[in-house]
Amino acid sequence: MMIPSSNEDRKKIKGAMKEVSNAMNGIEGHQDHIKEICVRVEEEFGIPKGKFKKVATMYHKGNADIVAEDNSEIEDLYDAAVNS
């Protein structure tokens, strides 16, 4: 790795670092908002935060069928290992 020697390049790198930091601040804010929503759903409906977040993630990714298939395979493996 070469550390840039020109002030112009160093300024560009620092600017990129600031951009990443700003993006990370935005992500942290969104993560906090998600946590607040999960807490609210748990308080209002009694759905555990972790389970609600999984369902919301499945909704976001549109992969409920894949998750269901994976869970079925895990159940099959568990049954085969435990009940053999």
N, C-alpha and C. Protein backbone atom coordinates (compact mmCIF):
# COMPACT_ATOMS: atom_id res chain seq x y z
N MET A 1 0.85 -1.17 0.00
CA MET A 1 0.00 0.00 0.00
C MET A 1 0.90 1.23 0.00
N MET A 2 0.52 2.19 -0.82
CA MET A 2 1.26 3.44 -0.87
C MET A 2 0.42 4.54 -0.24
N ILE A 3 1.02 5.27 0.65
CA ILE A 3 0.35 6.42 1.27
C ILE A 3 0.57 7.61 0.35
N PRO A 4 -0.51 8.25 -0.08
CA PRO A 4 -0.36 9.39 -1.00
C PRO A 4 0.50 10.49 -0.39
N SER A 5 1.33 11.04 -1.24
CA SER A 5 2.22 12.10 -0.76
C SER A 5 1.70 13.49 -1.09
N SER A 6 0.85 13.61 -2.10
CA SER A 6 0.39 14.95 -2.47
C SER A 6 -0.76 15.37 -1.56
N ASN A 7 -0.76 16.65 -1.25
CA ASN A 7 -1.83 17.21 -0.41
C ASN A 7 -3.20 17.06 -1.07
N GLU A 8 -3.24 17.18 -2.38
CA GLU A 8 -4.50 17.06 -3.11
C GLU A 8 -5.09 15.66 -2.93
N ASP A 9 -4.27 14.64 -3.07
CA ASP A 9 -4.74 13.27 -2.89
C ASP A 9 -5.15 13.02 -1.45
N ARG A 10 -4.41 13.55 -0.51
CA ARG A 10 -4.76 13.38 0.91
C ARG A 10 -6.10 14.04 1.22
N LYS A 11 -6.35 15.19 0.63
CA LYS A 11 -7.62 15.88 0.81
C LYS A 11 -8.78 15.06 0.24
N LYS A 12 -8.55 14.43 -0.93
CA LYS A 12 -9.57 13.59 -1.55
C LYS A 12 -9.88 12.39 -0.65
N ILE A 13 -8.85 11.80 -0.08
CA ILE A 13 -9.04 10.65 0.82
C ILE A 13 -9.82 11.07 2.06
N LYS A 14 -9.44 12.23 2.62
CA LYS A 14 -10.15 12.72 3.80
C LYS A 14 -11.61 13.01 3.46
N GLY A 15 -11.85 13.55 2.27
CA GLY A 15 -13.22 13.81 1.83
C GLY A 15 -14.01 12.51 1.70
N ALA A 16 -13.36 11.48 1.18
CA ALA A 16 -14.02 10.18 1.06
C ALA A 16 -14.32 9.62 2.44
N MET A 17 -13.41 9.81 3.39
CA MET A 17 -13.63 9.35 4.76
C MET A 17 -14.84 10.06 5.37
N LYS A 18 -14.97 11.36 5.10
CA LYS A 18 -16.12 12.11 5.61
C LYS A 18 -17.41 11.60 4.99
N GLU A 19 -17.38 11.27 3.69
CA GLU A 19 -18.57 10.74 3.03
C GLU A 19 -19.00 9.42 3.68
N VAL A 20 -18.04 8.55 3.92
CA VAL A 20 -18.35 7.26 4.55
C VAL A 20 -18.90 7.48 5.95
N SER A 21 -18.29 8.38 6.69
CA SER A 21 -18.75 8.66 8.05
C SER A 21 -20.19 9.18 8.04
N ASN A 22 -20.50 10.08 7.12
CA ASN A 22 -21.86 10.60 7.01
C ASN A 22 -22.85 9.49 6.66
N ALA A 23 -22.45 8.60 5.76
CA ALA A 23 -23.32 7.48 5.40
C ALA A 23 -23.54 6.56 6.60
N MET A 24 -22.48 6.32 7.36
CA MET A 24 -22.58 5.49 8.56
C MET A 24 -23.51 6.12 9.59
N ASN A 25 -23.46 7.44 9.73
CA ASN A 25 -24.37 8.12 10.64
C ASN A 25 -25.82 7.91 10.21
N GLY A 26 -26.06 7.98 8.92
CA GLY A 26 -27.40 7.73 8.40
C GLY A 26 -27.86 6.31 8.68
N ILE A 27 -26.97 5.35 8.47
CA ILE A 27 -27.28 3.94 8.74
C ILE A 27 -27.62 3.75 10.20
N GLU A 28 -26.82 4.32 11.08
CA GLU A 28 -27.07 4.19 12.52
C GLU A 28 -28.44 4.75 12.90
N GLY A 29 -28.78 5.86 12.29
CA GLY A 29 -30.10 6.46 12.54
C GLY A 29 -31.22 5.54 12.09
N HIS A 30 -31.06 4.93 10.93
CA HIS A 30 -32.08 4.00 10.43
C HIS A 30 -32.16 2.75 11.31
N GLN A 31 -31.01 2.27 11.77
CA GLN A 31 -31.01 1.09 12.64
C GLN A 31 -31.74 1.39 13.95
N ASP A 32 -31.51 2.57 14.49
CA ASP A 32 -32.21 2.97 15.72
C ASP A 32 -33.72 3.03 15.48
N HIS A 33 -34.11 3.54 14.32
CA HIS A 33 -35.53 3.64 13.98
C HIS A 33 -36.15 2.24 13.88
N ILE A 34 -35.44 1.31 13.26
CA ILE A 34 -35.91 -0.07 13.14
C ILE A 34 -36.10 -0.67 14.52
N LYS A 35 -35.13 -0.45 15.41
CA LYS A 35 -35.25 -0.97 16.78
C LYS A 35 -36.48 -0.41 17.48
N GLU A 36 -36.73 0.88 17.30
CA GLU A 36 -37.90 1.51 17.92
C GLU A 36 -39.20 0.90 17.41
N ILE A 37 -39.25 0.63 16.11
CA ILE A 37 -40.44 0.02 15.53
C ILE A 37 -40.65 -1.38 16.11
N CYS A 38 -39.56 -2.15 16.21
CA CYS A 38 -39.66 -3.51 16.75
C CYS A 38 -40.14 -3.49 18.20
N VAL A 39 -39.66 -2.54 18.98
CA VAL A 39 -40.11 -2.41 20.37
C VAL A 39 -41.60 -2.08 20.40
N ARG A 40 -42.02 -1.16 19.54
CA ARG A 40 -43.43 -0.76 19.50
C ARG A 40 -44.33 -1.94 19.15
N VAL A 41 -43.92 -2.73 18.16
CA VAL A 41 -44.72 -3.89 17.75
C VAL A 41 -44.79 -4.91 18.89
N GLU A 42 -43.67 -5.09 19.59
CA GLU A 42 -43.68 -6.02 20.72
C GLU A 42 -44.63 -5.54 21.81
N GLU A 43 -44.59 -4.25 22.10
CA GLU A 43 -45.45 -3.69 23.15
C GLU A 43 -46.92 -3.73 22.76
N GLU A 44 -47.22 -3.43 21.50
CA GLU A 44 -48.61 -3.36 21.06
C GLU A 44 -49.23 -4.73 20.79
N PHE A 45 -48.42 -5.66 20.26
CA PHE A 45 -48.98 -6.92 19.79
C PHE A 45 -48.39 -8.16 20.46
N GLY A 46 -47.37 -7.98 21.27
CA GLY A 46 -46.76 -9.12 21.94
C GLY A 46 -45.89 -9.98 21.05
N ILE A 47 -45.55 -9.47 19.87
CA ILE A 47 -44.68 -10.21 18.96
C ILE A 47 -43.24 -9.90 19.35
N PRO A 48 -42.45 -10.92 19.70
CA PRO A 48 -41.06 -10.66 20.11
C PRO A 48 -40.29 -9.87 19.03
N LYS A 49 -39.47 -8.95 19.50
CA LYS A 49 -38.72 -8.06 18.58
C LYS A 49 -37.95 -8.85 17.53
N GLY A 50 -37.23 -9.88 17.97
CA GLY A 50 -36.41 -10.65 17.04
C GLY A 50 -37.22 -11.32 15.96
N LYS A 51 -38.35 -11.88 16.34
CA LYS A 51 -39.21 -12.56 15.35
C LYS A 51 -39.82 -11.55 14.39
N PHE A 52 -40.25 -10.41 14.92
CA PHE A 52 -40.82 -9.40 14.03
C PHE A 52 -39.76 -8.90 13.05
N LYS A 53 -38.55 -8.69 13.52
CA LYS A 53 -37.49 -8.20 12.62
C LYS A 53 -37.21 -9.22 11.52
N LYS A 54 -37.23 -10.50 11.87
CA LYS A 54 -37.02 -11.53 10.84
C LYS A 54 -38.12 -11.48 9.78
N VAL A 55 -39.36 -11.34 10.24
CA VAL A 55 -40.48 -11.28 9.29
C VAL A 55 -40.37 -10.02 8.42
N ALA A 56 -40.02 -8.91 9.03
CA ALA A 56 -39.87 -7.66 8.28
C ALA A 56 -38.73 -7.77 7.27
N THR A 57 -37.66 -8.45 7.66
CA THR A 57 -36.52 -8.66 6.75
C THR A 57 -36.94 -9.54 5.58
N MET A 58 -37.71 -10.59 5.87
CA MET A 58 -38.22 -11.45 4.80
C MET A 58 -39.09 -10.64 3.84
N TYR A 59 -39.93 -9.79 4.39
CA TYR A 59 -40.79 -8.93 3.57
C TYR A 59 -39.93 -8.02 2.69
N HIS A 60 -38.91 -7.41 3.29
CA HIS A 60 -38.04 -6.49 2.56
C HIS A 60 -37.30 -7.20 1.43
N LYS A 61 -36.76 -8.37 1.73
CA LYS A 61 -35.97 -9.10 0.74
C LYS A 61 -36.83 -9.89 -0.23
N GLY A 62 -38.09 -10.09 0.13
CA GLY A 62 -38.97 -10.86 -0.74
C GLY A 62 -38.54 -12.32 -0.85
N ASN A 63 -38.02 -12.87 0.25
CA ASN A 63 -37.48 -14.23 0.18
C ASN A 63 -38.15 -15.19 1.16
N ALA A 64 -39.43 -15.00 1.42
CA ALA A 64 -40.13 -15.85 2.37
C ALA A 64 -40.09 -17.31 1.94
N ASP A 65 -40.19 -17.58 0.63
CA ASP A 65 -40.16 -18.96 0.16
C ASP A 65 -38.81 -19.62 0.42
N ILE A 66 -37.75 -18.89 0.24
CA ILE A 66 -36.40 -19.42 0.49
C ILE A 66 -36.20 -19.68 1.98
N VAL A 67 -36.65 -18.76 2.81
CA VAL A 67 -36.52 -18.93 4.27
C VAL A 67 -37.32 -20.15 4.72
N ALA A 68 -38.53 -20.30 4.20
CA ALA A 68 -39.36 -21.44 4.57
C ALA A 68 -38.69 -22.75 4.15
N GLU A 69 -38.11 -22.77 2.97
CA GLU A 69 -37.42 -23.97 2.49
C GLU A 69 -36.21 -24.28 3.36
N ASP A 70 -35.43 -23.25 3.70
CA ASP A 70 -34.27 -23.45 4.57
C ASP A 70 -34.69 -23.98 5.93
N ASN A 71 -35.75 -23.41 6.50
CA ASN A 71 -36.23 -23.87 7.80
C ASN A 71 -36.70 -25.32 7.74
N SER A 72 -37.35 -25.68 6.64
CA SER A 72 -37.81 -27.06 6.47
C SER A 72 -36.63 -28.02 6.41
N GLU A 73 -35.59 -27.63 5.69
CA GLU A 73 -34.40 -28.46 5.59
C GLU A 73 -33.72 -28.61 6.95
N ILE A 74 -33.69 -27.53 7.71
CA ILE A 74 -33.09 -27.58 9.05
C ILE A 74 -33.91 -28.51 9.95
N GLU A 75 -35.24 -28.42 9.88
CA GLU A 75 -36.10 -29.29 10.66
C GLU A 75 -35.86 -30.76 10.29
N ASP A 76 -35.76 -31.02 8.97
CA ASP A 76 -35.52 -32.39 8.50
C ASP A 76 -34.19 -32.91 9.03
N LEU A 77 -33.17 -32.09 8.97
CA LEU A 77 -31.86 -32.49 9.46
C LEU A 77 -31.90 -32.76 10.96
N TYR A 78 -32.58 -31.89 11.69
CA TYR A 78 -32.71 -32.08 13.14
C TYR A 78 -33.43 -33.39 13.45
N ASP A 79 -34.56 -33.61 12.78
CA ASP A 79 -35.30 -34.85 13.00
C ASP A 79 -34.46 -36.08 12.69
N ALA A 80 -33.74 -36.02 11.60
CA ALA A 80 -32.91 -37.17 11.21
C ALA A 80 -31.81 -37.43 12.24
N ALA A 81 -31.24 -36.37 12.78
CA ALA A 81 -30.14 -36.53 13.74
C ALA A 81 -30.65 -36.94 15.11
N VAL A 82 -31.77 -36.41 15.54
CA VAL A 82 -32.25 -36.62 16.91
C VAL A 82 -33.13 -37.87 17.01
N ASN A 83 -33.92 -38.09 15.99
CA ASN A 83 -34.89 -39.17 16.07
C ASN A 83 -34.46 -40.43 15.33
N SER A 84 -33.18 -40.61 15.14
CA SER A 84 -32.71 -41.80 14.42
C SER A 84 -32.35 -42.92 15.35
